[in-house]
Every structure is written in C-alpha cells, then in structure tokens.
PDB file of N, CA and C in Angstrom:
ATOM      1  N   MET A   1     104.349  83.913 108.126  1.00  0.00           N
ATOM      2  CA  MET A   1     105.136  84.947 108.736  1.00  0.00           C
ATOM      3  C   MET A   1     106.041  84.390 109.833  1.00  0.00           C
ATOM      4  N   LYS A   2     105.516  83.416 110.594  1.00  0.00           N
ATOM      5  CA  LYS A   2     106.333  82.794 111.627  1.00  0.00           C
ATOM      6  C   LYS A   2     107.514  82.061 111.008  1.00  0.00           C
ATOM      7  N   PHE A   3     107.285  81.474 109.832  1.00  0.00           N
ATOM      8  CA  PHE A   3     108.353  80.784 109.106  1.00  0.00           C
ATOM      9  C   PHE A   3     109.491  81.743 108.788  1.00  0.00           C
ATOM     10  N   LEU A   4     109.159  82.890 108.207  1.00  0.00           N
ATOM     11  CA  LEU A   4     110.182  83.870 107.837  1.00  0.00           C
ATOM     12  C   LEU A   4     110.883  84.446 109.065  1.00  0.00           C
ATOM     13  N   TYR A   5     110.119  84.685 110.112  1.00  0.00           N
ATOM     14  CA  TYR A   5     110.679  85.236 111.338  1.00  0.00           C
ATOM     15  C   TYR A   5     111.681  84.276 111.965  1.00  0.00           C
ATOM     16  N   SER A   6     111.343  82.991 112.005  1.00  0.00           N
ATOM     17  CA  SER A   6     112.253  82.030 112.622  1.00  0.00           C
ATOM     18  C   SER A   6     113.497  81.810 111.765  1.00  0.00           C
ATOM     19  N   VAL A   7     113.357  81.796 110.447  1.00  0.00           N
ATOM     20  CA  VAL A   7     114.519  81.654 109.573  1.00  0.00           C
ATOM     21  C   VAL A   7     115.421  82.890 109.679  1.00  0.00           C
ATOM     22  N   ALA A   8     114.821  84.073 109.714  1.00  0.00           N
ATOM     23  CA  ALA A   8     115.609  85.301 109.829  1.00  0.00           C
ATOM     24  C   ALA A   8     116.356  85.351 111.162  1.00  0.00           C
ATOM     25  N   LEU A   9     115.704  84.936 112.235  1.00  0.00           N
ATOM     26  CA  LEU A   9     116.390  84.913 113.533  1.00  0.00           C
ATOM     27  C   LEU A   9     117.502  83.874 113.564  1.00  0.00           C
ATOM     28  N   GLY A  10     117.293  82.750 112.909  1.00  0.00           N
ATOM     29  CA  GLY A  10     118.347  81.751 112.817  1.00  0.00           C
ATOM     30  C   GLY A  10     119.549  82.263 112.049  1.00  0.00           C
ATOM     31  N   ILE A  11     119.299  82.975 110.958  1.00  0.00           N
ATOM     32  CA  ILE A  11     120.388  83.551 110.160  1.00  0.00           C
ATOM     33  C   ILE A  11     121.134  84.616 110.959  1.00  0.00           C
ATOM     34  N   LEU A  12     120.396  85.510 111.601  1.00  0.00           N
ATOM     35  CA  LEU A  12     121.039  86.571 112.379  1.00  0.00           C
ATOM     36  C   LEU A  12     121.816  86.014 113.570  1.00  0.00           C
ATOM     37  N   THR A  13     121.282  84.989 114.213  1.00  0.00           N
ATOM     38  CA  THR A  13     121.987  84.377 115.328  1.00  0.00           C
ATOM     39  C   THR A  13     123.251  83.669 114.854  1.00  0.00           C
ATOM     40  N   GLY A  14     123.174  83.035 113.698  1.00  0.00           N
ATOM     41  CA  GLY A  14     124.352  82.387 113.135  1.00  0.00           C
ATOM     42  C   GLY A  14     125.447  83.379 112.789  1.00  0.00           C
ATOM     43  N   ILE A  15     125.055  84.499 112.205  1.00  0.00           N
ATOM     44  CA  ILE A  15     126.030  85.546 111.875  1.00  0.00           C
ATOM     45  C   ILE A  15     126.672  86.089 113.145  1.00  0.00           C
ATOM     46  N   ALA A  16     125.850  86.335 114.156  1.00  0.00           N
ATOM     47  CA  ALA A  16     126.382  86.850 115.415  1.00  0.00           C
ATOM     48  C   ALA A  16     127.324  85.840 116.071  1.00  0.00           C
ATOM     49  N   ALA A  17     126.987  84.562 116.014  1.00  0.00           N
ATOM     50  CA  ALA A  17     127.837  83.544 116.618  1.00  0.00           C
ATOM     51  C   ALA A  17     129.167  83.429 115.883  1.00  0.00           C
ATOM     52  N   VAL A  18     129.123  83.510 114.556  1.00  0.00           N
ATOM     53  CA  VAL A  18     130.356  83.419 113.767  1.00  0.00           C
ATOM     54  C   VAL A  18     131.272  84.602 114.065  1.00  0.00           C
ATOM     55  N   LEU A  19     130.712  85.775 114.154  1.00  0.00           N
ATOM     56  CA  LEU A  19     131.529  86.961 114.391  1.00  0.00           C
ATOM     57  C   LEU A  19     131.977  87.089 115.841  1.00  0.00           C
ATOM     58  N   LEU A  20     131.234  86.504 116.767  1.00  0.00           N
ATOM     59  CA  LEU A  20     131.527  86.665 118.186  1.00  0.00           C
ATOM     60  C   LEU A  20     132.436  85.577 118.745  1.00  0.00           C
ATOM     61  N   HIS A  21     132.474  84.404 118.126  1.00  0.00           N
ATOM     62  CA  HIS A  21     133.164  83.269 118.741  1.00  0.00           C
ATOM     63  C   HIS A  21     134.669  83.481 118.865  1.00  0.00           C
ATOM     64  N   ILE A  22     135.266  84.288 118.042  1.00  0.00           N
ATOM     65  CA  ILE A  22     136.715  84.474 118.068  1.00  0.00           C
ATOM     66  C   ILE A  22     137.125  85.667 118.944  1.00  0.00           C
ATOM     67  N   PHE A  23     136.141  86.447 119.389  1.00  0.00           N
ATOM     68  CA  PHE A  23     136.413  87.640 120.180  1.00  0.00           C
ATOM     69  C   PHE A  23     136.695  87.272 121.628  1.00  0.00           C
ATOM     70  N   TYR A  24     137.842  87.646 122.125  1.00  0.00           N
ATOM     71  CA  TYR A  24     138.262  87.497 123.516  1.00  0.00           C
ATOM     72  C   TYR A  24     137.990  86.093 124.052  1.00  0.00           C
ATOM     73  N   PRO A  25     138.758  85.108 123.543  1.00  0.00           N
ATOM     74  CA  PRO A  25     138.526  83.713 123.957  1.00  0.00           C
ATOM     75  C   PRO A  25     138.718  83.547 125.454  1.00  0.00           C
ATOM     76  N   PRO A  26     137.957  82.733 126.100  1.00  0.00           N
ATOM     77  CA  PRO A  26     136.808  81.929 125.706  1.00  0.00           C
ATOM     78  C   PRO A  26     135.470  82.623 125.926  1.00  0.00           C
ATOM     79  N   ILE A  27     135.498  83.879 126.361  1.00  0.00           N
ATOM     80  CA  ILE A  27     134.253  84.600 126.666  1.00  0.00           C
ATOM     81  C   ILE A  27     133.386  84.747 125.426  1.00  0.00           C
ATOM     82  N   GLY A  28     133.970  85.076 124.291  1.00  0.00           N
ATOM     83  CA  GLY A  28     133.209  85.243 123.054  1.00  0.00           C
ATOM     84  C   GLY A  28     132.559  83.951 122.615  1.00  0.00           C
ATOM     85  N   LEU A  29     133.267  82.848 122.761  1.00  0.00           N
ATOM     86  CA  LEU A  29     132.710  81.550 122.389  1.00  0.00           C
ATOM     87  C   LEU A  29     131.540  81.182 123.295  1.00  0.00           C
ATOM     88  N   ILE A  30     131.690  81.421 124.580  1.00  0.00           N
ATOM     89  CA  ILE A  30     130.606  81.127 125.522  1.00  0.00           C
ATOM     90  C   ILE A  30     129.391  81.989 125.219  1.00  0.00           C
ATOM     91  N   LEU A  31     129.607  83.278 124.957  1.00  0.00           N
ATOM     92  CA  LEU A  31     128.488  84.156 124.601  1.00  0.00           C
ATOM     93  C   LEU A  31     127.810  83.708 123.321  1.00  0.00           C
ATOM     94  N   ALA A  32     128.585  83.282 122.337  1.00  0.00           N
ATOM     95  CA  ALA A  32     128.012  82.823 121.069  1.00  0.00           C
ATOM     96  C   ALA A  32     127.163  81.575 121.271  1.00  0.00           C
ATOM     97  N   LEU A  33     127.649  80.634 122.060  1.00  0.00           N
ATOM     98  CA  LEU A  33     126.911  79.392 122.283  1.00  0.00           C
ATOM     99  C   LEU A  33     125.655  79.605 123.122  1.00  0.00           C
ATOM    100  N   VAL A  34     125.798  80.367 124.196  1.00  0.00           N
ATOM    101  CA  VAL A  34     124.642  80.620 125.064  1.00  0.00           C
ATOM    102  C   VAL A  34     123.603  81.479 124.341  1.00  0.00           C
ATOM    103  N   GLY A  35     124.063  82.481 123.603  1.00  0.00           N
ATOM    104  CA  GLY A  35     123.137  83.332 122.862  1.00  0.00           C
ATOM    105  C   GLY A  35     122.393  82.576 121.772  1.00  0.00           C
ATOM    106  N   SER A  36     123.077  81.681 121.085  1.00  0.00           N
ATOM    107  CA  SER A  36     122.424  80.886 120.045  1.00  0.00           C
ATOM    108  C   SER A  36     121.379  79.955 120.647  1.00  0.00           C
ATOM    109  N   ALA A  37     121.749  79.267 121.723  1.00  0.00           N
ATOM    110  CA  ALA A  37     120.803  78.350 122.365  1.00  0.00           C
ATOM    111  C   ALA A  37     119.604  79.112 122.941  1.00  0.00           C
ATOM    112  N   ALA A  38     119.858  80.260 123.534  1.00  0.00           N
ATOM    113  CA  ALA A  38     118.752  81.045 124.108  1.00  0.00           C
ATOM    114  C   ALA A  38     117.817  81.566 123.030  1.00  0.00           C
ATOM    115  N   THR A  39     118.357  81.948 121.894  1.00  0.00           N
ATOM    116  CA  THR A  39     117.510  82.440 120.809  1.00  0.00           C
ATOM    117  C   THR A  39     116.640  81.337 120.239  1.00  0.00           C
ATOM    118  N   ILE A  40     117.210  80.168 120.009  1.00  0.00           N
ATOM    119  CA  ILE A  40     116.424  79.047 119.485  1.00  0.00           C
ATOM    120  C   ILE A  40     115.350  78.640 120.493  1.00  0.00           C
ATOM    121  N   TRP A  41     115.700  78.624 121.771  1.00  0.00           N
ATOM    122  CA  TRP A  41     114.720  78.299 122.802  1.00  0.00           C
ATOM    123  C   TRP A  41     113.589  79.338 122.827  1.00  0.00           C
ATOM    124  N   ALA A  42     113.955  80.619 122.692  1.00  0.00           N
ATOM    125  CA  ALA A  42     112.946  81.688 122.726  1.00  0.00           C
ATOM    126  C   ALA A  42     112.008  81.613 121.526  1.00  0.00           C
ATOM    127  N   ILE A  43     112.524  81.182 120.382  1.00  0.00           N
ATOM    128  CA  ILE A  43     111.653  81.010 119.208  1.00  0.00           C
ATOM    129  C   ILE A  43     110.592  79.955 119.504  1.00  0.00           C
ATOM    130  N   GLY A  44     111.001  78.875 120.130  1.00  0.00           N
ATOM    131  CA  GLY A  44     110.036  77.842 120.496  1.00  0.00           C
ATOM    132  C   GLY A  44     109.018  78.324 121.511  1.00  0.00           C
ATOM    133  N   ARG A  45     109.459  79.125 122.459  1.00  0.00           N
ATOM    134  CA  ARG A  45     108.527  79.667 123.452  1.00  0.00           C
ATOM    135  C   ARG A  45     107.565  80.674 122.825  1.00  0.00           C
ATOM    136  N   GLN A  46     108.045  81.461 121.881  1.00  0.00           N
ATOM    137  CA  GLN A  46     107.214  82.484 121.255  1.00  0.00           C
ATOM    138  C   GLN A  46     106.123  81.863 120.383  1.00  0.00           C
ATOM    139  N   PHE A  47     106.509  80.888 119.567  1.00  0.00           N
ATOM    140  CA  PHE A  47     105.569  80.332 118.594  1.00  0.00           C
ATOM    141  C   PHE A  47     104.918  79.031 119.044  1.00  0.00           C
ATOM    142  N   GLY A  48     105.468  78.383 120.051  1.00  0.00           N
ATOM    143  CA  GLY A  48     104.839  77.198 120.608  1.00  0.00           C
ATOM    144  C   GLY A  48     104.922  75.958 119.743  1.00  0.00           C
ATOM    145  N   ALA A  49     105.861  75.904 118.812  1.00  0.00           N
ATOM    146  CA  ALA A  49     105.988  74.725 117.964  1.00  0.00           C
ATOM    147  C   ALA A  49     107.464  74.406 117.747  1.00  0.00           C
ATOM    148  N   ARG A  50     107.749  73.126 117.704  1.00  0.00           N
ATOM    149  CA  ARG A  50     109.118  72.682 117.520  1.00  0.00           C
ATOM    150  C   ARG A  50     109.618  72.909 116.097  1.00  0.00           C
ATOM    151  N   LYS A  51     108.706  72.948 115.133  1.00  0.00           N
ATOM    152  CA  LYS A  51     109.131  73.104 113.737  1.00  0.00           C
ATOM    153  C   LYS A  51     109.796  74.458 113.497  1.00  0.00           C
ATOM    154  N   TYR A  52     109.413  75.482 114.218  1.00  0.00           N
ATOM    155  CA  TYR A  52     110.047  76.790 114.056  1.00  0.00           C
ATOM    156  C   TYR A  52     111.449  76.806 114.665  1.00  0.00           C
ATOM    157  N   LYS A  53     111.613  76.065 115.754  1.00  0.00           N
ATOM    158  CA  LYS A  53     112.959  75.927 116.316  1.00  0.00           C
ATOM    159  C   LYS A  53     113.852  75.160 115.351  1.00  0.00           C
ATOM    160  N   LEU A  54     113.301  74.161 114.698  1.00  0.00           N
ATOM    161  CA  LEU A  54     114.074  73.384 113.734  1.00  0.00           C
ATOM    162  C   LEU A  54     114.473  74.233 112.531  1.00  0.00           C
ATOM    163  N   LEU A  55     113.570  75.082 112.058  1.00  0.00           N
ATOM    164  CA  LEU A  55     113.897  75.974 110.944  1.00  0.00           C
ATOM    165  C   LEU A  55     115.012  76.946 111.310  1.00  0.00           C
ATOM    166  N   ALA A  56     114.937  77.510 112.501  1.00  0.00           N
ATOM    167  CA  ALA A  56     115.982  78.435 112.943  1.00  0.00           C
ATOM    168  C   ALA A  56     117.305  77.709 113.126  1.00  0.00           C
ATOM    169  N   CYS A  57     117.262  76.479 113.619  1.00  0.00           N
ATOM    170  CA  CYS A  57     118.479  75.692 113.793  1.00  0.00           C
ATOM    171  C   CYS A  57     119.108  75.358 112.445  1.00  0.00           C
ATOM    172  N   LEU A  58     118.301  75.036 111.456  1.00  0.00           N
ATOM    173  CA  LEU A  58     118.817  74.764 110.119  1.00  0.00           C
ATOM    174  C   LEU A  58     119.429  76.009 109.483  1.00  0.00           C
ATOM    175  N   ALA A  59     118.789  77.151 109.681  1.00  0.00           N
ATOM    176  CA  ALA A  59     119.351  78.402 109.154  1.00  0.00           C
ATOM    177  C   ALA A  59     120.666  78.731 109.840  1.00  0.00           C
ATOM    178  N   TRP A  60     120.749  78.506 111.152  1.00  0.00           N
ATOM    179  CA  TRP A  60     121.992  78.719 111.892  1.00  0.00           C
ATOM    180  C   TRP A  60     123.084  77.804 111.365  1.00  0.00           C
ATOM    181  N   GLY A  61     122.748  76.546 111.134  1.00  0.00           N
ATOM    182  CA  GLY A  61     123.711  75.592 110.608  1.00  0.00           C
ATOM    183  C   GLY A  61     124.177  75.947 109.206  1.00  0.00           C
ATOM    184  N   PHE A  62     123.265  76.482 108.385  1.00  0.00           N
ATOM    185  CA  PHE A  62     123.655  76.903 107.040  1.00  0.00           C
ATOM    186  C   PHE A  62     124.665  78.046 107.090  1.00  0.00           C
ATOM    187  N   ILE A  63     124.428  79.010 107.959  1.00  0.00           N
ATOM    188  CA  ILE A  63     125.364  80.128 108.096  1.00  0.00           C
ATOM    189  C   ILE A  63     126.709  79.623 108.606  1.00  0.00           C
ATOM    190  N   LEU A  64     126.690  78.715 109.554  1.00  0.00           N
ATOM    191  CA  LEU A  64     127.934  78.175 110.072  1.00  0.00           C
ATOM    192  C   LEU A  64     128.678  77.382 108.993  1.00  0.00           C
ATOM    193  N   TRP A  65     127.953  76.612 108.213  1.00  0.00           N
ATOM    194  CA  TRP A  65     128.578  75.862 107.122  1.00  0.00           C
ATOM    195  C   TRP A  65     129.204  76.806 106.101  1.00  0.00           C
ATOM    196  N   ARG A  66     128.490  77.861 105.767  1.00  0.00           N
ATOM    197  CA  ARG A  66     128.996  78.805 104.772  1.00  0.00           C
ATOM    198  C   ARG A  66     130.203  79.573 105.301  1.00  0.00           C
ATOM    199  N   ALA A  67     130.214  79.885 106.587  1.00  0.00           N
ATOM    200  CA  ALA A  67     131.327  80.631 107.179  1.00  0.00           C
ATOM    201  C   ALA A  67     132.562  79.759 107.360  1.00  0.00           C
ATOM    202  N   SER A  68     132.399  78.442 107.369  1.00  0.00           N
ATOM    203  CA  SER A  68     133.553  77.571 107.565  1.00  0.00           C
ATOM    204  C   SER A  68     134.104  77.021 106.252  1.00  0.00           C
ATOM    205  N   THR A  69     133.586  77.495 105.126  1.00  0.00           N
ATOM    206  CA  THR A  69     134.157  77.139 103.825  1.00  0.00           C
ATOM    207  C   THR A  69     134.831  78.366 103.237  1.00  0.00           C
ATOM    208  N   PHE A  70     135.724  78.139 102.297  1.00  0.00           N
ATOM    209  CA  PHE A  70     136.470  79.242 101.706  1.00  0.00           C
ATOM    210  C   PHE A  70     135.563  80.125 100.864  1.00  0.00           C
ATOM    211  N   GLY A  71     135.760  81.439 100.982  1.00  0.00           N
ATOM    212  CA  GLY A  71     135.018  82.405 100.195  1.00  0.00           C
ATOM    213  C   GLY A  71     135.723  82.719  98.897  1.00  0.00           C
ATOM    214  N   VAL A  72     135.278  83.771  98.232  1.00  0.00           N
ATOM    215  CA  VAL A  72     135.843  84.161  96.948  1.00  0.00           C
ATOM    216  C   VAL A  72     137.313  84.540  97.085  1.00  0.00           C
ATOM    217  N   GLY A  73     137.659  85.245  98.139  1.00  0.00           N
ATOM    218  CA  GLY A  73     139.041  85.664  98.361  1.00  0.00           C
ATOM    219  C   GLY A  73     139.826  84.699  99.230  1.00  0.00           C
ATOM    220  N   ASN A  74     139.369  83.447  99.330  1.00  0.00           N
ATOM    221  CA  ASN A  74     139.978  82.409 100.163  1.00  0.00           C
ATOM    222  C   ASN A  74     140.026  82.800 101.637  1.00  0.00           C
ATOM    223  N   GLU A  75     139.014  83.526 102.104  1.00  0.00           N
ATOM    224  CA  GLU A  75     138.933  83.872 103.521  1.00  0.00           C
ATOM    225  C   GLU A  75     138.101  82.819 104.251  1.00  0.00           C
ATOM    226  N   LEU A  76     138.385  82.664 105.509  1.00  0.00           N
ATOM    227  CA  LEU A  76     137.716  81.684 106.352  1.00  0.00           C
ATOM    228  C   LEU A  76     137.278  82.384 107.633  1.00  0.00           C
ATOM    229  N   LEU A  77     135.982  82.379 107.926  1.00  0.00           N
ATOM    230  CA  LEU A  77     135.493  83.047 109.128  1.00  0.00           C
ATOM    231  C   LEU A  77     135.508  82.131 110.345  1.00  0.00           C
ATOM    232  N   VAL A  78     135.278  80.850 110.142  1.00  0.00           N
ATOM    233  CA  VAL A  78     135.378  79.868 111.221  1.00  0.00           C
ATOM    234  C   VAL A  78     136.563  78.981 110.882  1.00  0.00           C
ATOM    235  N   GLN A  79     137.627  79.156 111.634  1.00  0.00           N
ATOM    236  CA  GLN A  79     138.859  78.435 111.351  1.00  0.00           C
ATOM    237  C   GLN A  79     138.867  77.084 112.053  1.00  0.00           C
ATOM    238  N   GLY A  80     139.860  76.281 111.754  1.00  0.00           N
ATOM    239  CA  GLY A  80     139.964  74.948 112.331  1.00  0.00           C
ATOM    240  C   GLY A  80     140.694  74.915 113.657  1.00  0.00           C
ATOM    241  N   ASN A  81     140.704  76.029 114.390  1.00  0.00           N
ATOM    242  CA  ASN A  81     141.356  76.058 115.697  1.00  0.00           C
ATOM    243  C   ASN A  81     140.382  75.584 116.780  1.00  0.00           C
ATOM    244  N   ALA A  82     140.781  75.720 118.026  1.00  0.00           N
ATOM    245  CA  ALA A  82     139.954  75.223 119.130  1.00  0.00           C
ATOM    246  C   ALA A  82     138.607  75.950 119.212  1.00  0.00           C
ATOM    247  N   GLN A  83     138.623  77.276 119.010  1.00  0.00           N
ATOM    248  CA  GLN A  83     137.368  78.032 119.087  1.00  0.00           C
ATOM    249  C   GLN A  83     136.422  77.660 117.950  1.00  0.00           C
ATOM    250  N   GLY A  84     136.948  77.523 116.737  1.00  0.00           N
ATOM    251  CA  GLY A  84     136.106  77.173 115.595  1.00  0.00           C
ATOM    252  C   GLY A  84     135.528  75.776 115.719  1.00  0.00           C
ATOM    253  N   SER A  85     136.355  74.832 116.156  1.00  0.00           N
ATOM    254  CA  SER A  85     135.863  73.466 116.329  1.00  0.00           C
ATOM    255  C   SER A  85     134.818  73.393 117.435  1.00  0.00           C
ATOM    256  N   ALA A  86     135.028  74.123 118.512  1.00  0.00           N
ATOM    257  CA  ALA A  86     134.049  74.135 119.600  1.00  0.00           C
ATOM    258  C   ALA A  86     132.742  74.773 119.155  1.00  0.00           C
ATOM    259  N   LEU A  87     132.827  75.825 118.356  1.00  0.00           N
ATOM    260  CA  LEU A  87     131.602  76.454 117.864  1.00  0.00           C
ATOM    261  C   LEU A  87     130.812  75.479 117.000  1.00  0.00           C
ATOM    262  N   VAL A  88     131.496  74.763 116.145  1.00  0.00           N
ATOM    263  CA  VAL A  88     130.802  73.830 115.253  1.00  0.00           C
ATOM    264  C   VAL A  88     130.190  72.678 116.044  1.00  0.00           C
ATOM    265  N   PHE A  89     130.985  71.983 116.840  1.00  0.00           N
ATOM    266  CA  PHE A  89     130.499  70.771 117.487  1.00  0.00           C
ATOM    267  C   PHE A  89     129.611  71.050 118.694  1.00  0.00           C
ATOM    268  N   VAL A  90     130.062  71.883 119.595  1.00  0.00           N
ATOM    269  CA  VAL A  90     129.257  72.171 120.785  1.00  0.00           C
ATOM    270  C   VAL A  90     128.005  72.965 120.398  1.00  0.00           C
ATOM    271  N   GLY A  91     128.148  73.854 119.419  1.00  0.00           N
ATOM    272  CA  GLY A  91     126.991  74.624 118.969  1.00  0.00           C
ATOM    273  C   GLY A  91     125.912  73.749 118.360  1.00  0.00           C
ATOM    274  N   LEU A  92     126.294  72.843 117.484  1.00  0.00           N
ATOM    275  CA  LEU A  92     125.301  71.966 116.874  1.00  0.00           C
ATOM    276  C   LEU A  92     124.668  71.024 117.891  1.00  0.00           C
ATOM    277  N   ILE A  93     125.461  70.500 118.809  1.00  0.00           N
ATOM    278  CA  ILE A  93     124.910  69.607 119.848  1.00  0.00           C
ATOM    279  C   ILE A  93     123.941  70.372 120.739  1.00  0.00           C
ATOM    280  N   SER A  94     124.319  71.581 121.163  1.00  0.00           N
ATOM    281  CA  SER A  94     123.436  72.343 122.046  1.00  0.00           C
ATOM    282  C   SER A  94     122.153  72.759 121.329  1.00  0.00           C
ATOM    283  N   LEU A  95     122.248  73.102 120.059  1.00  0.00           N
ATOM    284  CA  LEU A  95     121.031  73.483 119.338  1.00  0.00           C
ATOM    285  C   LEU A  95     120.131  72.290 119.076  1.00  0.00           C
ATOM    286  N   ILE A  96     120.695  71.115 118.870  1.00  0.00           N
ATOM    287  CA  ILE A  96     119.872  69.922 118.718  1.00  0.00           C
ATOM    288  C   ILE A  96     119.151  69.606 120.023  1.00  0.00           C
ATOM    289  N   ILE A  97     119.852  69.769 121.144  1.00  0.00           N
ATOM    290  CA  ILE A  97     119.221  69.536 122.449  1.00  0.00           C
ATOM    291  C   ILE A  97     118.107  70.545 122.695  1.00  0.00           C
ATOM    292  N   VAL A  98     118.372  71.816 122.405  1.00  0.00           N
ATOM    293  CA  VAL A  98     117.353  72.840 122.628  1.00  0.00           C
ATOM    294  C   VAL A  98     116.161  72.640 121.698  1.00  0.00           C
ATOM    295  N   THR A  99     116.417  72.194 120.475  1.00  0.00           N
ATOM    296  CA  THR A  99     115.321  71.925 119.539  1.00  0.00           C
ATOM    297  C   THR A  99     114.484  70.748 120.009  1.00  0.00           C
ATOM    298  N   ALA A 100     115.100  69.757 120.618  1.00  0.00           N
ATOM    299  CA  ALA A 100     114.371  68.565 121.075  1.00  0.00           C
ATOM    300  C   ALA A 100     113.536  68.839 122.332  1.00  0.00           C
ATOM    301  N   LEU A 101     113.832  69.905 123.050  1.00  0.00           N
ATOM    302  CA  LEU A 101     113.044  70.241 124.238  1.00  0.00           C
ATOM    303  C   LEU A 101     111.609  70.559 123.834  1.00  0.00           C
ATOM    304  N   PRO A 102     110.662  70.300 124.708  1.00  0.00           N
ATOM    305  CA  PRO A 102     109.279  70.633 124.367  1.00  0.00           C
ATOM    306  C   PRO A 102     109.089  72.142 124.231  1.00  0.00           C
ATOM    307  N   ALA A 103     108.206  72.513 123.335  1.00  0.00           N
ATOM    308  CA  ALA A 103     107.961  73.936 123.076  1.00  0.00           C
ATOM    309  C   ALA A 103     107.153  74.524 124.139  1.00  0.00           C
TER     310      ALA A 103
END
C-alpha cells in the first residue's frame, strides 16, 4: 500500500508541477519546485524509508518526461523555454537531493 501511495503522490505532484510551472512566471515555477521537493520529503518522513521517496521521484520524472514529449495532437506541456528547462533541470536536481537526504 505504501508503494502505491508513494507512486500516486509522485504522479500527482508531477502533474501539478507541469501545470503550475508556466503560471505567472517565476512564481509558478518556484511553487512547482518547492511543492515537489516538499512532497517527496514528506513521503520519506511519513514512511521512514528512502525507497518510497525514490519511487515517488521516478513517478514524477516519468510524468515530466511524458509532458515534455509531443502528444497525439503535437501538443507540448513542458516547452523548451526558460521555465520548462528550469523545471526539468532544477526539479530533477532538487528531487535527487531530497531523495538522498536521510528518511
């Protein structure tokens, strides 16, 4: 159950970050990054194991990867502009750091 909970939270956090990062720059990007890092950290605090943080981080990364590739109608949710690049690079670095922290 903890496995499903952490994956679901990672997916929901990824969706929220993708939809929020472009809203009212740079406030939306900051909220997306801080909210994602806080959620991954909270998963580790709740369950007390690093593996659940890693699962949520992988689910977040999967959503980000899927949102930055072309869809059926050639739409792109994470574009190659400054906000999209910052979400990808700073987001992944911050989540790796938060995952590496002790639970």
